[in-house]
Amino acid sequence: MLSFRKRISLPTAAEAPPGRPDSVLTAGTHFITGHGLRPPFPQGIETALFGMGCFWGAERKFWELGDGIHVTAAGYAGGHTPNPTYEEVCSGATGHNEVVLVAFDPARISYEALLKTFWESHDPTQGMRQGNDVGTQYRSAIYVDNAAQRTAAEASKAVFAKALAARGFPAITTEILDRPEFYYAEAYHQQYLAQNPRGYCGLGGTGVSCPIGISPS
C-alpha cells in the first residue's frame, strides 16, 4: 500500500481534487468466478457495499463465502472526487473509503450473513484506521441500498456493540449511510490476494462473535 502522511479527518468538497469524467481502467471479469465485474448483473442478484480497512483483504473475506456470491469488487466510495485514482484516495484528499462491492444471490446467502462477515472480519471501533493502516480510507462503513438493508445493518450494529462492550471494547465507529457513488478501483486491485497470495493483508477481527440471525435458506 502507498505511504503518505496519513490524514485522519475528512476533507471538504472544496478541498478535494477535481477528478475526471471517465473511470479508471478496471478488470472485465472476476478472477475467481469468471463473471462480469460490472452490472448489469443477472436477475435476482442484489448488491451490498462495505468498508472495513484495506480492500485487498476485505474483498477476500467475501469471495471466500463462496455459494451465493456472484462477484466481489474493490473500489472507492464516500468521497467527493469523481472517478478517483488510488493515489488520490490514499492521499486522504478525496474523502473516499476503500470499499468492497458484493453482488450476491439472496436466495442462497442472506444480507445478514454478509453483515456477520463484515463485523467479525475487522475491528469496527478504531475510527480512521484499521490496525497499522491509518487514514480516512480505512474507516469502517456500511453503505446501504435500501430501507431493508439499513434496518438490518442498524440492528446488527446494536447487537454487536453489546457483544463488544461485554469484552471491554470501546464504542463502534462504523458509519451507516445511504449508498454513495461507487467507483471501481484499478484492475490490479481486483481480487488482489487471489492473484498475489503472499500479498499484504492487515485485516484482523476482534475475536468477538456477532450474534445476529442468519436467514434460513
Protein backbone atom coordinates (compact mmCIF):
# COMPACT_ATOMS: atom_id res chain seq x y z
CA MET A 1 0.00 0.00 0.00
CA LEU A 2 1.17 3.54 -0.66
CA SER A 3 2.87 5.52 2.07
CA PHE A 4 1.64 9.06 2.72
CA ARG A 5 1.45 11.31 5.77
CA LYS A 6 -1.90 9.95 6.87
CA ARG A 7 -4.86 12.28 7.12
CA ILE A 8 -7.37 11.33 9.83
CA SER A 9 -10.05 13.96 9.20
CA LEU A 10 -12.37 14.03 6.20
CA PRO A 11 -11.81 16.82 3.65
CA THR A 12 -14.49 19.20 2.48
CA ALA A 13 -15.70 19.15 -1.11
CA ALA A 14 -13.77 22.38 -1.71
CA GLU A 15 -10.53 20.71 -0.61
CA ALA A 16 -10.93 17.66 -2.83
CA PRO A 17 -9.21 17.32 -6.22
CA PRO A 18 -11.49 17.78 -9.26
CA GLY A 19 -11.24 14.22 -10.54
CA ARG A 20 -12.06 13.25 -14.11
CA PRO A 21 -15.06 12.43 -16.31
CA ASP A 22 -14.00 8.87 -17.11
CA SER A 23 -13.46 5.94 -14.76
CA VAL A 24 -10.06 4.36 -14.25
CA LEU A 25 -9.41 1.14 -16.13
CA THR A 26 -10.52 -1.92 -14.19
CA ALA A 27 -10.79 -5.65 -14.83
CA GLY A 28 -13.55 -7.02 -17.02
CA THR A 29 -14.20 -10.27 -15.19
CA HIS A 30 -13.83 -11.67 -11.68
CA PHE A 31 -10.59 -13.64 -11.34
CA ILE A 32 -12.30 -16.43 -9.40
CA THR A 33 -15.92 -16.65 -10.58
CA GLY A 34 -15.33 -15.53 -14.16
CA HIS A 35 -18.45 -13.38 -14.04
CA GLY A 36 -18.52 -9.84 -15.36
CA LEU A 37 -17.33 -7.35 -12.76
CA ARG A 38 -19.71 -4.59 -13.77
CA PRO A 39 -23.51 -4.51 -13.93
CA PRO A 40 -25.97 -5.32 -15.24
CA PHE A 41 -25.92 -8.41 -13.06
CA PRO A 42 -28.31 -11.35 -13.59
CA GLN A 43 -31.91 -11.03 -12.43
CA GLY A 44 -32.27 -11.58 -8.69
CA ILE A 45 -28.73 -10.52 -7.82
CA GLU A 46 -28.54 -7.83 -5.12
CA THR A 47 -25.58 -5.72 -4.03
CA ALA A 48 -24.01 -4.67 -0.74
CA LEU A 49 -21.19 -2.22 -0.04
CA PHE A 50 -18.76 -2.39 2.88
CA GLY A 51 -15.67 -0.53 4.06
CA MET A 52 -13.51 -2.38 6.59
CA GLY A 53 -9.88 -1.42 6.04
CA CYS A 54 -7.59 -2.29 3.14
CA PHE A 55 -9.83 -3.59 0.37
CA TRP A 56 -7.40 -6.34 -0.63
CA GLY A 57 -8.11 -8.40 2.46
CA ALA A 58 -11.70 -7.22 2.82
CA GLU A 59 -12.63 -8.41 -0.66
CA ARG A 60 -11.19 -11.86 0.04
CA LYS A 61 -13.40 -12.23 3.13
CA PHE A 62 -16.48 -12.03 0.92
CA TRP A 63 -15.45 -14.09 -2.10
CA GLU A 64 -14.42 -16.83 0.33
CA LEU A 65 -18.09 -17.15 1.33
CA GLY A 66 -18.47 -18.98 -1.97
CA ASP A 67 -22.03 -20.16 -2.60
CA GLY A 68 -24.31 -17.24 -3.34
CA ILE A 69 -21.55 -14.72 -4.10
CA HIS A 70 -21.79 -13.66 -7.75
CA VAL A 71 -18.84 -11.24 -7.79
CA THR A 72 -16.87 -9.02 -5.47
CA ALA A 73 -15.04 -5.85 -6.49
CA ALA A 74 -12.64 -3.40 -4.87
CA GLY A 75 -13.43 0.27 -5.20
CA TYR A 76 -13.91 3.68 -3.66
CA ALA A 77 -16.96 5.36 -2.12
CA GLY A 78 -17.98 8.07 0.31
CA GLY A 79 -15.83 10.90 -1.03
CA HIS A 80 -16.06 13.99 -3.21
CA THR A 81 -13.79 13.42 -6.22
CA PRO A 82 -15.40 11.79 -9.27
CA ASN A 83 -13.52 8.76 -10.64
CA PRO A 84 -10.62 8.98 -8.18
CA THR A 85 -7.32 7.18 -8.58
CA TYR A 86 -5.74 5.02 -5.91
CA GLU A 87 -3.04 7.63 -5.33
CA GLU A 88 -5.65 10.35 -4.79
CA VAL A 89 -7.63 8.21 -2.35
CA CYS A 90 -4.51 7.27 -0.38
CA SER A 91 -3.59 10.95 -0.04
CA GLY A 92 -6.76 11.48 2.03
CA ALA A 93 -7.72 14.45 -0.14
CA THR A 94 -10.76 12.88 -1.83
CA GLY A 95 -12.56 11.65 1.30
CA HIS A 96 -13.17 8.25 -0.24
CA ASN A 97 -13.16 4.97 1.61
CA GLU A 98 -11.65 1.72 0.32
CA VAL A 99 -14.73 -0.46 -0.10
CA VAL A 100 -15.88 -3.82 -1.39
CA LEU A 101 -18.90 -4.26 -3.62
CA VAL A 102 -20.57 -7.64 -3.07
CA ALA A 103 -23.05 -8.87 -5.68
CA PHE A 104 -24.94 -11.78 -4.13
CA ASP A 105 -27.93 -14.05 -4.61
CA PRO A 106 -30.23 -13.56 -1.57
CA ALA A 107 -31.87 -16.92 -2.28
CA ARG A 108 -28.54 -18.58 -1.48
CA ILE A 109 -26.89 -16.26 1.04
CA SER A 110 -28.57 -13.61 3.16
CA TYR A 111 -27.61 -9.99 3.69
CA GLU A 112 -27.42 -10.84 7.39
CA ALA A 113 -24.71 -13.39 6.61
CA LEU A 114 -22.73 -10.67 4.85
CA LEU A 115 -23.17 -8.41 7.87
CA LYS A 116 -21.86 -11.14 10.17
CA THR A 117 -18.77 -11.49 7.98
CA PHE A 118 -18.35 -7.72 7.97
CA TRP A 119 -18.46 -7.32 11.76
CA GLU A 120 -16.31 -10.33 12.58
CA SER A 121 -13.58 -9.66 10.00
CA HIS A 122 -12.32 -6.29 11.24
CA ASP A 123 -12.27 -4.06 14.32
CA PRO A 124 -15.11 -1.53 13.91
CA THR A 125 -14.05 0.55 16.92
CA GLN A 126 -10.87 2.10 15.52
CA GLY A 127 -12.10 5.22 13.75
CA MET A 128 -9.90 6.35 10.88
CA ARG A 129 -7.68 3.30 10.82
CA GLN A 130 -7.61 -0.48 10.77
CA GLY A 131 -4.67 -1.94 12.62
CA ASN A 132 -1.47 -0.43 11.26
CA ASP A 133 -3.31 1.10 8.29
CA VAL A 134 -4.05 4.70 9.23
CA GLY A 135 -6.12 7.17 7.21
CA THR A 136 -9.64 8.14 6.26
CA GLN A 137 -9.78 5.49 3.52
CA TYR A 138 -9.63 2.73 6.17
CA ARG A 139 -12.74 3.74 8.14
CA SER A 140 -15.43 1.20 8.89
CA ALA A 141 -18.63 1.70 6.89
CA ILE A 142 -21.81 0.06 5.69
CA TYR A 143 -23.40 1.79 2.70
CA VAL A 144 -26.98 0.60 2.28
CA ASP A 145 -29.01 0.18 -0.90
CA ASN A 146 -32.48 0.36 0.65
CA ALA A 147 -34.54 0.57 3.85
CA ALA A 148 -34.37 -3.17 4.49
CA GLN A 149 -30.58 -3.13 4.40
CA ARG A 150 -30.49 -0.12 6.73
CA THR A 151 -32.77 -1.84 9.24
CA ALA A 152 -30.65 -4.99 9.18
CA ALA A 153 -27.39 -3.00 9.41
CA GLU A 154 -28.56 -0.88 12.35
CA ALA A 155 -29.90 -3.93 14.20
CA SER A 156 -26.65 -5.83 13.70
CA LYS A 157 -24.63 -2.83 14.88
CA ALA A 158 -26.68 -2.60 18.06
CA VAL A 159 -26.31 -6.27 18.96
CA PHE A 160 -22.60 -6.38 18.10
CA ALA A 161 -21.97 -3.22 20.14
CA LYS A 162 -23.32 -5.05 23.21
CA ALA A 163 -21.13 -8.07 22.50
CA LEU A 164 -18.05 -5.87 22.10
CA ALA A 165 -18.79 -3.86 25.25
CA ALA A 166 -19.06 -7.07 27.22
CA ARG A 167 -15.49 -7.86 26.15
CA GLY A 168 -14.17 -4.39 27.04
CA PHE A 169 -14.07 -2.84 23.57
CA PRO A 170 -14.93 0.86 23.03
CA ALA A 171 -17.88 2.15 21.03
CA ILE A 172 -18.35 1.20 17.38
CA THR A 173 -17.30 3.94 14.95
CA THR A 174 -18.84 2.36 11.83
CA GLU A 175 -20.80 4.79 9.66
CA ILE A 176 -24.07 3.51 8.21
CA LEU A 177 -25.15 5.69 5.29
CA ASP A 178 -27.19 5.53 2.12
CA ARG A 179 -25.02 4.16 -0.62
CA PRO A 180 -22.93 6.86 -2.32
CA GLU A 181 -21.47 6.63 -5.80
CA PHE A 182 -19.22 3.57 -6.14
CA TYR A 183 -16.11 3.80 -8.30
CA TYR A 184 -14.27 0.64 -9.36
CA ALA A 185 -10.61 0.53 -8.38
CA GLU A 186 -7.83 -0.07 -10.88
CA ALA A 187 -7.53 -3.52 -12.47
CA TYR A 188 -4.55 -4.64 -10.37
CA HIS A 189 -6.56 -4.20 -7.15
CA GLN A 190 -9.32 -6.59 -8.21
CA GLN A 191 -9.10 -9.93 -6.38
CA TYR A 192 -5.57 -8.88 -5.49
CA LEU A 193 -4.90 -11.60 -2.93
CA ALA A 194 -6.11 -14.33 -5.28
CA GLN A 195 -3.56 -13.21 -7.85
CA ASN A 196 -0.90 -12.39 -5.24
CA PRO A 197 -1.34 -14.99 -2.47
CA ARG A 198 1.57 -13.60 -0.47
CA GLY A 199 0.36 -10.02 -0.78
CA TYR A 200 -0.21 -7.68 2.13
CA CYS A 201 -3.30 -8.08 4.30
CA GLY A 202 -3.53 -6.06 7.51
CA LEU A 203 -7.10 -7.08 8.27
CA GLY A 204 -7.88 -8.60 11.66
CA GLY A 205 -11.05 -9.05 13.68
CA THR A 206 -11.72 -8.61 17.39
CA GLY A 207 -12.29 -12.29 18.09
CA VAL A 208 -15.84 -11.46 19.19
CA SER A 209 -18.69 -13.33 17.51
CA CYS A 210 -21.52 -11.26 16.09
CA PRO A 211 -24.77 -12.81 17.40
CA ILE A 212 -27.11 -11.85 14.60
CA GLY A 213 -29.52 -14.23 12.98
CA ILE A 214 -28.84 -15.74 9.56
CA SER A 215 -31.93 -16.10 7.41
CA PRO A 216 -32.84 -19.74 6.74
CA SER A 217 -32.45 -20.96 3.17
